[in-house]
């Protein structure tokens, strides 16, 4: 039995009509010397689109979450008008893939304020891709904790500081200036 950290071949988001919203295919270079060799699947856009079309026809109805399609294990989750997929080899651990997909969906839901829909994903594509990169790197599952993933993606930069100016802040500044002026006048 050959063990490998490379477990995910692709991440795909399709809309309710089967059109691609986002797709990221992984072909790790380090598998060239691996006994299974580098995957010859999904090399061209035409092959990818054909696979996605067939996968959508098998998974468009809600209810399932794992399917073996065209020699690949597909773990998927429906969310409003989207279907999110992790595609892996047929010998991968389904529970691990399902946990990774669920944590990714939960993290994206946290970051998109429970608006995991096509419009929200397209408007916040940078956040979605960062979330994916925090979960999966080159086909290797990095993290399965949704809160940790969301916090790393949404963390503000340390070099920026946010200053909240509200009515109380202005009143405090006014009182400080008034007290200092009164103090200076009292010294004269």
N, C-alpha and C. Protein backbone atom coordinates (compact mmCIF):
# COMPACT_ATOMS: atom_id res chain seq x y z
N UNK A 1 0.84 -1.19 0.00
CA UNK A 1 0.00 0.00 0.00
C UNK A 1 0.88 1.25 0.00
N UNK A 2 0.67 2.11 -0.97
CA UNK A 2 1.43 3.35 -1.07
C UNK A 2 0.66 4.48 -0.44
N UNK A 3 1.25 5.10 0.56
CA UNK A 3 0.61 6.23 1.22
C UNK A 3 1.14 7.53 0.64
N UNK A 4 0.26 8.47 0.47
CA UNK A 4 0.64 9.75 -0.07
C UNK A 4 -0.21 10.83 0.57
N UNK A 5 0.39 12.00 0.74
CA UNK A 5 -0.37 13.14 1.26
C UNK A 5 -1.26 13.75 0.19
N UNK A 6 -0.93 13.52 -1.07
CA UNK A 6 -1.69 14.09 -2.17
C UNK A 6 -2.99 13.32 -2.33
N UNK A 7 -4.07 13.88 -1.82
CA UNK A 7 -5.32 13.14 -1.84
C UNK A 7 -6.39 13.77 -2.72
N UNK A 8 -6.28 15.05 -3.05
CA UNK A 8 -7.33 15.71 -3.82
C UNK A 8 -6.81 16.04 -5.22
N UNK A 9 -7.59 15.66 -6.22
CA UNK A 9 -7.23 15.94 -7.61
C UNK A 9 -7.84 17.24 -8.11
N UNK A 10 -9.00 17.63 -7.54
CA UNK A 10 -9.66 18.84 -8.03
C UNK A 10 -10.65 19.36 -7.00
N UNK A 11 -10.89 20.66 -7.08
CA UNK A 11 -11.98 21.32 -6.35
C UNK A 11 -12.81 22.04 -7.39
N UNK A 12 -14.11 21.78 -7.39
CA UNK A 12 -14.99 22.33 -8.41
C UNK A 12 -16.22 22.94 -7.75
N UNK A 13 -16.65 24.10 -8.24
CA UNK A 13 -17.93 24.66 -7.86
C UNK A 13 -18.73 24.83 -9.14
N UNK A 14 -19.91 24.19 -9.18
CA UNK A 14 -20.82 24.32 -10.31
C UNK A 14 -22.10 25.00 -9.84
N UNK A 15 -22.73 25.75 -10.75
CA UNK A 15 -24.00 26.38 -10.37
C UNK A 15 -25.14 25.39 -10.61
N UNK A 16 -26.37 25.85 -10.39
CA UNK A 16 -27.53 24.96 -10.46
C UNK A 16 -27.84 24.50 -11.88
N UNK A 17 -27.18 25.08 -12.88
CA UNK A 17 -27.38 24.66 -14.26
C UNK A 17 -26.20 23.86 -14.80
N UNK A 18 -25.20 23.62 -13.97
CA UNK A 18 -24.05 22.82 -14.37
C UNK A 18 -22.90 23.62 -14.95
N UNK A 19 -22.99 24.94 -14.90
CA UNK A 19 -21.90 25.78 -15.42
C UNK A 19 -20.83 25.96 -14.34
N UNK A 20 -19.61 26.04 -14.79
CA UNK A 20 -18.49 26.19 -13.89
C UNK A 20 -18.47 27.59 -13.28
N UNK A 21 -18.40 27.64 -11.95
CA UNK A 21 -18.20 28.89 -11.24
C UNK A 21 -16.72 29.02 -10.89
N UNK A 22 -16.15 27.92 -10.41
CA UNK A 22 -14.74 27.88 -10.03
C UNK A 22 -14.26 26.45 -10.16
N UNK A 23 -13.06 26.27 -10.67
CA UNK A 23 -12.47 24.94 -10.74
C UNK A 23 -10.97 25.08 -10.54
N UNK A 24 -10.44 24.21 -9.73
CA UNK A 24 -9.00 24.21 -9.49
C UNK A 24 -8.55 22.74 -9.52
N UNK A 25 -7.72 22.41 -10.49
CA UNK A 25 -7.22 21.05 -10.65
C UNK A 25 -5.78 20.99 -10.17
N UNK A 26 -5.47 19.93 -9.45
CA UNK A 26 -4.13 19.77 -8.87
C UNK A 26 -3.37 18.68 -9.60
N UNK A 27 -2.14 19.00 -10.01
CA UNK A 27 -1.22 18.03 -10.58
C UNK A 27 0.13 18.21 -9.92
N UNK A 28 0.34 17.61 -8.77
CA UNK A 28 1.61 17.81 -8.07
C UNK A 28 2.78 17.26 -8.86
N UNK A 29 3.83 18.05 -8.94
CA UNK A 29 5.03 17.65 -9.67
C UNK A 29 5.80 16.55 -8.96
N UNK A 30 5.62 16.45 -7.65
CA UNK A 30 6.38 15.46 -6.89
C UNK A 30 5.89 14.05 -7.12
N UNK A 31 4.77 13.86 -7.81
CA UNK A 31 4.26 12.51 -8.06
C UNK A 31 4.87 11.87 -9.32
N UNK A 32 5.78 12.55 -9.98
CA UNK A 32 6.35 12.00 -11.20
C UNK A 32 7.15 10.74 -10.91
N UNK A 33 7.82 10.68 -9.78
CA UNK A 33 8.57 9.48 -9.41
C UNK A 33 7.74 8.49 -8.62
N UNK A 34 6.50 8.83 -8.34
CA UNK A 34 5.60 7.98 -7.57
C UNK A 34 5.21 6.76 -8.40
N UNK A 35 5.04 5.58 -7.78
CA UNK A 35 4.69 4.37 -8.54
C UNK A 35 3.41 4.52 -9.37
N UNK A 36 2.45 5.31 -8.88
CA UNK A 36 1.22 5.49 -9.65
C UNK A 36 1.43 6.47 -10.80
N UNK A 37 2.50 7.23 -10.76
CA UNK A 37 2.81 8.19 -11.81
C UNK A 37 1.91 9.40 -11.73
N UNK A 38 2.21 10.37 -12.56
CA UNK A 38 1.40 11.58 -12.60
C UNK A 38 0.09 11.28 -13.32
N UNK A 39 -0.99 11.82 -12.82
CA UNK A 39 -2.30 11.60 -13.39
C UNK A 39 -2.37 12.20 -14.79
N UNK A 40 -2.93 11.44 -15.71
CA UNK A 40 -3.11 11.91 -17.08
C UNK A 40 -4.51 12.48 -17.28
N UNK A 41 -5.32 12.49 -16.23
CA UNK A 41 -6.68 13.01 -16.30
C UNK A 41 -6.69 14.53 -16.27
N UNK A 42 -7.70 15.09 -16.89
CA UNK A 42 -7.99 16.52 -16.83
C UNK A 42 -6.86 17.40 -17.34
N UNK A 43 -6.17 16.97 -18.39
CA UNK A 43 -5.07 17.77 -18.91
C UNK A 43 -5.55 18.96 -19.74
N UNK A 44 -6.67 18.81 -20.41
CA UNK A 44 -7.16 19.89 -21.26
C UNK A 44 -8.48 20.44 -20.72
N UNK A 45 -8.80 21.63 -21.14
CA UNK A 45 -10.05 22.26 -20.72
C UNK A 45 -11.25 21.46 -21.23
N UNK A 46 -11.12 20.88 -22.41
CA UNK A 46 -12.20 20.08 -22.98
C UNK A 46 -12.49 18.86 -22.10
N UNK A 47 -11.44 18.18 -21.64
CA UNK A 47 -11.62 17.03 -20.76
C UNK A 47 -12.24 17.45 -19.43
N UNK A 48 -11.80 18.58 -18.90
CA UNK A 48 -12.34 19.08 -17.64
C UNK A 48 -13.83 19.39 -17.77
N UNK A 49 -14.20 20.10 -18.84
CA UNK A 49 -15.61 20.46 -19.05
C UNK A 49 -16.48 19.22 -19.24
N UNK A 50 -15.98 18.24 -19.98
CA UNK A 50 -16.74 17.00 -20.20
C UNK A 50 -16.94 16.26 -18.87
N UNK A 51 -15.90 16.19 -18.06
CA UNK A 51 -16.01 15.54 -16.76
C UNK A 51 -17.01 16.28 -15.88
N UNK A 52 -16.94 17.61 -15.86
CA UNK A 52 -17.84 18.41 -15.03
C UNK A 52 -19.29 18.26 -15.48
N UNK A 53 -19.51 18.18 -16.79
CA UNK A 53 -20.87 18.03 -17.32
C UNK A 53 -21.45 16.68 -16.88
N UNK A 54 -20.68 15.62 -17.03
CA UNK A 54 -21.14 14.30 -16.61
C UNK A 54 -21.34 14.19 -15.11
N UNK A 55 -20.45 14.82 -14.37
CA UNK A 55 -20.55 14.81 -12.91
C UNK A 55 -21.81 15.54 -12.46
N UNK A 56 -22.11 16.65 -13.12
CA UNK A 56 -23.30 17.41 -12.75
C UNK A 56 -24.57 16.60 -13.00
N UNK A 57 -24.64 15.90 -14.12
CA UNK A 57 -25.84 15.11 -14.41
C UNK A 57 -26.06 14.02 -13.37
N UNK A 58 -25.00 13.50 -12.79
CA UNK A 58 -25.13 12.47 -11.76
C UNK A 58 -25.45 13.04 -10.38
N UNK A 59 -25.09 14.30 -10.14
CA UNK A 59 -25.20 14.84 -8.78
C UNK A 59 -26.13 16.05 -8.66
N UNK A 60 -26.90 16.37 -9.70
CA UNK A 60 -27.68 17.60 -9.66
C UNK A 60 -28.84 17.55 -8.67
N UNK A 61 -29.30 16.37 -8.31
CA UNK A 61 -30.39 16.26 -7.35
C UNK A 61 -29.81 16.13 -5.94
N UNK A 62 -30.27 16.98 -5.01
CA UNK A 62 -29.76 16.89 -3.63
C UNK A 62 -30.10 15.55 -3.00
N UNK A 63 -29.29 15.16 -2.07
CA UNK A 63 -29.56 13.92 -1.36
C UNK A 63 -28.31 13.12 -1.08
N UNK A 64 -27.43 13.00 -2.05
CA UNK A 64 -26.21 12.23 -1.85
C UNK A 64 -25.07 13.14 -1.43
N UNK A 65 -23.95 12.52 -1.11
CA UNK A 65 -22.78 13.33 -0.80
C UNK A 65 -21.48 12.69 -1.28
N UNK A 66 -21.53 11.42 -1.67
CA UNK A 66 -20.34 10.73 -2.18
C UNK A 66 -20.75 9.89 -3.37
N UNK A 67 -19.95 9.96 -4.44
CA UNK A 67 -20.24 9.18 -5.63
C UNK A 67 -18.92 8.75 -6.27
N UNK A 68 -18.92 7.57 -6.87
CA UNK A 68 -17.79 7.11 -7.66
C UNK A 68 -18.17 7.34 -9.11
N UNK A 69 -17.50 8.28 -9.77
CA UNK A 69 -17.85 8.64 -11.13
C UNK A 69 -16.60 8.63 -12.01
N UNK A 70 -16.67 7.90 -13.09
CA UNK A 70 -15.61 7.87 -14.10
C UNK A 70 -14.24 7.55 -13.49
N UNK A 71 -14.22 6.63 -12.53
CA UNK A 71 -12.97 6.23 -11.91
C UNK A 71 -12.43 7.21 -10.89
N UNK A 72 -13.26 8.15 -10.47
CA UNK A 72 -12.86 9.15 -9.48
C UNK A 72 -13.89 9.20 -8.36
N UNK A 73 -13.40 9.42 -7.17
CA UNK A 73 -14.28 9.60 -6.02
C UNK A 73 -14.66 11.08 -5.94
N UNK A 74 -15.95 11.36 -5.93
CA UNK A 74 -16.43 12.74 -5.85
C UNK A 74 -17.22 12.90 -4.56
N UNK A 75 -16.75 13.80 -3.73
CA UNK A 75 -17.46 14.17 -2.50
C UNK A 75 -18.05 15.55 -2.78
N UNK A 76 -19.36 15.69 -2.56
CA UNK A 76 -19.99 16.95 -2.94
C UNK A 76 -21.00 17.41 -1.90
N UNK A 77 -21.31 18.70 -1.98
CA UNK A 77 -22.25 19.30 -1.04
C UNK A 77 -23.05 20.37 -1.78
N UNK A 78 -24.37 20.33 -1.62
CA UNK A 78 -25.25 21.34 -2.21
C UNK A 78 -25.37 22.52 -1.27
N UNK A 79 -25.38 23.72 -1.84
CA UNK A 79 -25.55 24.94 -1.06
C UNK A 79 -26.32 25.95 -1.90
N UNK A 80 -27.58 26.15 -1.58
CA UNK A 80 -28.47 27.06 -2.32
C UNK A 80 -28.39 26.78 -3.81
N UNK A 81 -27.71 27.63 -4.59
CA UNK A 81 -27.66 27.42 -6.03
C UNK A 81 -26.29 26.93 -6.51
N UNK A 82 -25.50 26.34 -5.60
CA UNK A 82 -24.17 25.83 -5.94
C UNK A 82 -24.02 24.38 -5.53
N UNK A 83 -23.11 23.69 -6.20
CA UNK A 83 -22.66 22.37 -5.77
C UNK A 83 -21.15 22.43 -5.70
N UNK A 84 -20.59 22.08 -4.53
CA UNK A 84 -19.14 22.11 -4.32
C UNK A 84 -18.63 20.68 -4.29
N UNK A 85 -17.51 20.43 -4.98
CA UNK A 85 -16.96 19.09 -5.11
C UNK A 85 -15.49 19.04 -4.72
N UNK A 86 -15.10 17.92 -4.10
CA UNK A 86 -13.70 17.51 -4.02
C UNK A 86 -13.62 16.24 -4.85
N UNK A 87 -12.68 16.19 -5.78
CA UNK A 87 -12.48 15.02 -6.62
C UNK A 87 -11.16 14.37 -6.21
N UNK A 88 -11.19 13.05 -6.03
CA UNK A 88 -10.00 12.33 -5.59
C UNK A 88 -9.94 10.98 -6.30
N UNK A 89 -8.85 10.28 -6.05
CA UNK A 89 -8.71 8.94 -6.60
C UNK A 89 -9.68 7.98 -5.91
N UNK A 90 -9.94 6.84 -6.54
CA UNK A 90 -10.94 5.91 -6.00
C UNK A 90 -10.53 5.24 -4.69
N UNK A 91 -9.26 5.30 -4.34
CA UNK A 91 -8.81 4.63 -3.11
C UNK A 91 -8.66 5.58 -1.93
N UNK A 92 -9.05 6.83 -2.10
CA UNK A 92 -8.90 7.80 -1.00
C UNK A 92 -9.96 7.59 0.07
N UNK A 93 -9.68 8.12 1.25
CA UNK A 93 -10.56 8.00 2.40
C UNK A 93 -11.73 8.98 2.25
N UNK A 94 -12.94 8.44 2.14
CA UNK A 94 -14.13 9.27 1.93
C UNK A 94 -14.42 10.16 3.12
N UNK A 95 -14.20 9.65 4.31
CA UNK A 95 -14.47 10.44 5.52
C UNK A 95 -13.54 11.64 5.63
N UNK A 96 -12.29 11.45 5.28
CA UNK A 96 -11.34 12.55 5.31
C UNK A 96 -11.73 13.62 4.29
N UNK A 97 -12.09 13.19 3.09
CA UNK A 97 -12.49 14.14 2.06
C UNK A 97 -13.78 14.87 2.44
N UNK A 98 -14.72 14.14 3.01
CA UNK A 98 -15.98 14.75 3.42
C UNK A 98 -15.76 15.76 4.55
N UNK A 99 -14.90 15.42 5.49
CA UNK A 99 -14.58 16.35 6.58
C UNK A 99 -13.91 17.60 6.05
N UNK A 100 -12.99 17.44 5.12
CA UNK A 100 -12.30 18.60 4.53
C UNK A 100 -13.28 19.48 3.77
N UNK A 101 -14.17 18.87 2.99
CA UNK A 101 -15.14 19.65 2.23
C UNK A 101 -16.12 20.38 3.16
N UNK A 102 -16.59 19.68 4.18
CA UNK A 102 -17.52 20.31 5.13
C UNK A 102 -16.86 21.48 5.86
N UNK A 103 -15.60 21.32 6.25
CA UNK A 103 -14.92 22.42 6.94
C UNK A 103 -14.69 23.59 5.99
N UNK A 104 -14.38 23.32 4.72
CA UNK A 104 -14.22 24.39 3.74
C UNK A 104 -15.53 25.14 3.53
N UNK A 105 -16.63 24.40 3.40
CA UNK A 105 -17.95 25.02 3.22
C UNK A 105 -18.32 25.83 4.45
N UNK A 106 -18.05 25.30 5.64
CA UNK A 106 -18.36 26.04 6.87
C UNK A 106 -17.52 27.31 6.98
N UNK A 107 -16.26 27.23 6.63
CA UNK A 107 -15.39 28.41 6.70
C UNK A 107 -15.85 29.47 5.69
N UNK A 108 -16.21 29.04 4.48
CA UNK A 108 -16.70 30.00 3.49
C UNK A 108 -18.03 30.60 3.94
N UNK A 109 -18.88 29.81 4.57
CA UNK A 109 -20.15 30.33 5.09
C UNK A 109 -19.91 31.37 6.17
N UNK A 110 -18.92 31.12 7.04
CA UNK A 110 -18.58 32.11 8.07
C UNK A 110 -18.09 33.41 7.44
N UNK A 111 -17.24 33.29 6.45
CA UNK A 111 -16.66 34.48 5.82
C UNK A 111 -17.64 35.23 4.94
N UNK A 112 -18.58 34.51 4.34
CA UNK A 112 -19.56 35.15 3.45
C UNK A 112 -20.87 35.44 4.17
N UNK A 113 -20.86 35.34 5.49
CA UNK A 113 -22.03 35.63 6.33
C UNK A 113 -23.24 34.78 5.92
N UNK A 114 -23.02 33.48 5.83
CA UNK A 114 -24.05 32.49 5.49
C UNK A 114 -24.71 32.75 4.14
N UNK A 115 -24.03 33.42 3.24
CA UNK A 115 -24.54 33.68 1.90
C UNK A 115 -23.72 32.91 0.87
N UNK A 116 -23.63 31.60 1.05
CA UNK A 116 -22.86 30.76 0.14
C UNK A 116 -23.71 30.48 -1.10
N UNK A 117 -23.73 31.44 -1.99
CA UNK A 117 -24.48 31.35 -3.24
C UNK A 117 -23.60 31.87 -4.37
N UNK A 118 -24.05 31.68 -5.59
CA UNK A 118 -23.23 32.02 -6.75
C UNK A 118 -22.79 33.48 -6.73
N UNK A 119 -23.71 34.38 -6.49
CA UNK A 119 -23.38 35.80 -6.50
C UNK A 119 -22.35 36.14 -5.42
N UNK A 120 -22.56 35.61 -4.21
CA UNK A 120 -21.62 35.86 -3.12
C UNK A 120 -20.24 35.30 -3.39
N UNK A 121 -20.18 34.12 -4.00
CA UNK A 121 -18.89 33.51 -4.32
C UNK A 121 -18.16 34.34 -5.37
N UNK A 122 -18.87 34.77 -6.40
CA UNK A 122 -18.23 35.55 -7.46
C UNK A 122 -17.79 36.93 -6.96
N UNK A 123 -18.58 37.56 -6.09
CA UNK A 123 -18.20 38.87 -5.55
C UNK A 123 -17.03 38.78 -4.59
N UNK A 124 -16.88 37.64 -3.93
CA UNK A 124 -15.81 37.46 -2.95
C UNK A 124 -14.89 36.32 -3.36
N UNK A 125 -14.56 36.27 -4.63
CA UNK A 125 -13.73 35.19 -5.16
C UNK A 125 -12.36 35.14 -4.48
N UNK A 126 -11.81 36.30 -4.14
CA UNK A 126 -10.52 36.32 -3.46
C UNK A 126 -10.59 35.62 -2.10
N UNK A 127 -11.64 35.84 -1.36
CA UNK A 127 -11.82 35.20 -0.06
C UNK A 127 -12.02 33.70 -0.22
N UNK A 128 -12.80 33.31 -1.22
CA UNK A 128 -13.06 31.89 -1.47
C UNK A 128 -11.76 31.18 -1.83
N UNK A 129 -10.95 31.79 -2.70
CA UNK A 129 -9.68 31.16 -3.09
C UNK A 129 -8.70 31.11 -1.93
N UNK A 130 -8.65 32.14 -1.11
CA UNK A 130 -7.79 32.10 0.08
C UNK A 130 -8.25 30.99 1.03
N UNK A 131 -9.54 30.86 1.18
CA UNK A 131 -10.10 29.82 2.03
C UNK A 131 -9.72 28.43 1.50
N UNK A 132 -9.82 28.26 0.19
CA UNK A 132 -9.43 26.99 -0.43
C UNK A 132 -7.95 26.73 -0.23
N UNK A 133 -7.12 27.76 -0.42
CA UNK A 133 -5.68 27.60 -0.25
C UNK A 133 -5.29 27.30 1.20
N UNK A 134 -6.07 27.77 2.15
CA UNK A 134 -5.80 27.46 3.55
C UNK A 134 -6.23 26.03 3.90
N UNK A 135 -7.14 25.47 3.10
CA UNK A 135 -7.63 24.12 3.36
C UNK A 135 -6.83 23.08 2.58
N UNK A 136 -6.56 23.36 1.31
CA UNK A 136 -5.88 22.40 0.43
C UNK A 136 -4.74 23.11 -0.28
N UNK A 137 -3.57 22.49 -0.27
CA UNK A 137 -2.42 23.04 -0.99
C UNK A 137 -1.87 21.97 -1.91
N UNK A 138 -2.01 22.20 -3.20
CA UNK A 138 -1.49 21.28 -4.22
C UNK A 138 -2.01 19.86 -4.05
N UNK A 139 -3.25 19.73 -3.55
CA UNK A 139 -3.86 18.42 -3.38
C UNK A 139 -3.68 17.82 -1.99
N UNK A 140 -2.96 18.50 -1.12
CA UNK A 140 -2.74 18.03 0.25
C UNK A 140 -3.70 18.77 1.18
N UNK A 141 -4.44 18.02 1.98
CA UNK A 141 -5.35 18.63 2.94
C UNK A 141 -4.52 19.17 4.10
N UNK A 142 -4.63 20.48 4.33
CA UNK A 142 -3.85 21.13 5.37
C UNK A 142 -4.59 21.27 6.69
N UNK A 143 -5.88 21.60 6.63
CA UNK A 143 -6.63 21.90 7.85
C UNK A 143 -8.08 21.51 7.68
N UNK A 144 -8.70 21.07 8.77
CA UNK A 144 -10.12 20.72 8.74
C UNK A 144 -10.90 21.43 9.84
N UNK A 145 -10.36 22.51 10.36
CA UNK A 145 -11.04 23.30 11.38
C UNK A 145 -11.57 24.58 10.73
N UNK A 146 -12.88 24.66 10.58
CA UNK A 146 -13.50 25.78 9.85
C UNK A 146 -13.20 27.13 10.51
N UNK A 147 -13.26 27.17 11.83
CA UNK A 147 -13.02 28.44 12.53
C UNK A 147 -11.58 28.91 12.33
N UNK A 148 -10.63 27.99 12.38
CA UNK A 148 -9.22 28.35 12.18
C UNK A 148 -8.97 28.83 10.75
N UNK A 149 -9.58 28.17 9.80
CA UNK A 149 -9.43 28.57 8.39
C UNK A 149 -10.00 29.97 8.19
N UNK A 150 -11.19 30.20 8.69
CA UNK A 150 -11.84 31.50 8.54
C UNK A 150 -11.05 32.60 9.23
N UNK A 151 -10.49 32.31 10.40
CA UNK A 151 -9.73 33.34 11.11
C UNK A 151 -8.44 33.69 10.37
N UNK A 152 -7.78 32.70 9.75
CA UNK A 152 -6.56 33.00 9.00
C UNK A 152 -6.86 33.80 7.75
N UNK A 153 -7.99 33.55 7.13
CA UNK A 153 -8.34 34.27 5.91
C UNK A 153 -8.78 35.69 6.23
N UNK A 154 -9.52 35.88 7.31
CA UNK A 154 -10.08 37.19 7.61
C UNK A 154 -9.19 38.05 8.50
N UNK A 155 -8.05 37.56 8.89
CA UNK A 155 -7.15 38.30 9.78
C UNK A 155 -6.69 39.59 9.10
N UNK A 156 -6.80 40.69 9.84
CA UNK A 156 -6.36 41.96 9.27
C UNK A 156 -4.84 42.04 9.33
N UNK A 157 -4.31 42.92 8.52
CA UNK A 157 -2.86 43.06 8.48
C UNK A 157 -2.36 43.71 9.76
N UNK A 158 -1.21 43.24 10.29
CA UNK A 158 -0.71 43.79 11.55
C UNK A 158 -0.20 45.22 11.42
N UNK A 159 0.13 45.67 10.19
CA UNK A 159 0.68 47.01 10.05
C UNK A 159 -0.41 48.09 9.95
N UNK A 160 -1.65 47.68 9.88
CA UNK A 160 -2.73 48.66 9.80
C UNK A 160 -3.46 48.71 11.13
N UNK A 161 -3.83 49.91 11.52
CA UNK A 161 -4.62 50.07 12.73
C UNK A 161 -5.93 50.74 12.37
N UNK A 162 -6.96 50.30 13.01
CA UNK A 162 -8.27 50.85 12.73
C UNK A 162 -8.63 51.82 13.84
N UNK A 163 -8.97 53.01 13.47
CA UNK A 163 -9.35 54.03 14.43
C UNK A 163 -10.85 54.26 14.29
N UNK A 164 -11.55 54.00 15.35
CA UNK A 164 -12.98 54.25 15.36
C UNK A 164 -13.25 55.62 15.93
N UNK A 165 -13.82 56.48 15.12
CA UNK A 165 -14.17 57.82 15.59
C UNK A 165 -15.68 57.85 15.74
N UNK A 166 -16.11 58.05 16.98
CA UNK A 166 -17.54 58.16 17.22
C UNK A 166 -17.80 59.39 18.09
N UNK A 167 -19.02 59.58 18.50
CA UNK A 167 -19.40 60.76 19.27
C UNK A 167 -18.65 60.83 20.60
N UNK A 168 -18.48 59.70 21.25
CA UNK A 168 -17.80 59.68 22.55
C UNK A 168 -16.33 60.06 22.40
N UNK A 169 -15.68 59.63 21.33
CA UNK A 169 -14.28 59.99 21.09
C UNK A 169 -14.14 61.49 20.89
N UNK A 170 -15.04 62.08 20.15
CA UNK A 170 -14.99 63.53 19.91
C UNK A 170 -15.25 64.30 21.20
N UNK A 171 -16.20 63.84 22.01
CA UNK A 171 -16.48 64.49 23.31
C UNK A 171 -15.27 64.42 24.24
N UNK A 172 -14.60 63.25 24.26
CA UNK A 172 -13.41 63.10 25.10
C UNK A 172 -12.30 64.05 24.64
N UNK A 173 -12.10 64.17 23.35
CA UNK A 173 -11.08 65.08 22.82
C UNK A 173 -11.44 66.53 23.16
N UNK A 174 -12.72 66.90 23.05
CA UNK A 174 -13.16 68.26 23.37
C UNK A 174 -12.94 68.57 24.85
N UNK A 175 -13.26 67.61 25.72
CA UNK A 175 -13.06 67.83 27.16
C UNK A 175 -11.59 67.96 27.50
N UNK A 176 -10.75 67.18 26.86
CA UNK A 176 -9.31 67.26 27.12
C UNK A 176 -8.77 68.62 26.70
N UNK A 177 -9.17 69.11 25.54
CA UNK A 177 -8.71 70.43 25.07
C UNK A 177 -9.25 71.52 25.99
N UNK A 178 -10.51 71.45 26.39
CA UNK A 178 -11.11 72.44 27.27
C UNK A 178 -10.40 72.49 28.62
N UNK A 179 -10.09 71.31 29.19
CA UNK A 179 -9.38 71.26 30.47
C UNK A 179 -7.98 71.86 30.36
N UNK A 180 -7.29 71.57 29.28
CA UNK A 180 -5.94 72.09 29.12
C UNK A 180 -5.95 73.62 28.91
N UNK A 181 -6.93 74.10 28.18
CA UNK A 181 -7.03 75.57 27.98
C UNK A 181 -7.37 76.23 29.31
N UNK A 182 -8.28 75.66 30.08
CA UNK A 182 -8.63 76.23 31.37
C UNK A 182 -7.43 76.21 32.31
N UNK A 183 -6.64 75.16 32.25
CA UNK A 183 -5.45 75.04 33.09
C UNK A 183 -4.43 76.12 32.72
N UNK A 184 -4.25 76.37 31.41
CA UNK A 184 -3.30 77.40 30.97
C UNK A 184 -3.79 78.80 31.37
N UNK A 185 -5.07 79.03 31.24
CA UNK A 185 -5.62 80.32 31.63
C UNK A 185 -5.48 80.53 33.13
N UNK A 186 -5.66 79.47 33.90
CA UNK A 186 -5.49 79.57 35.35
C UNK A 186 -4.08 79.86 35.75
N UNK A 187 -3.09 79.47 34.96
CA UNK A 187 -1.70 79.71 35.28
C UNK A 187 -1.33 81.17 35.04
N UNK A 188 -2.06 81.90 34.20
CA UNK A 188 -1.75 83.31 33.90
C UNK A 188 -2.22 84.17 34.97
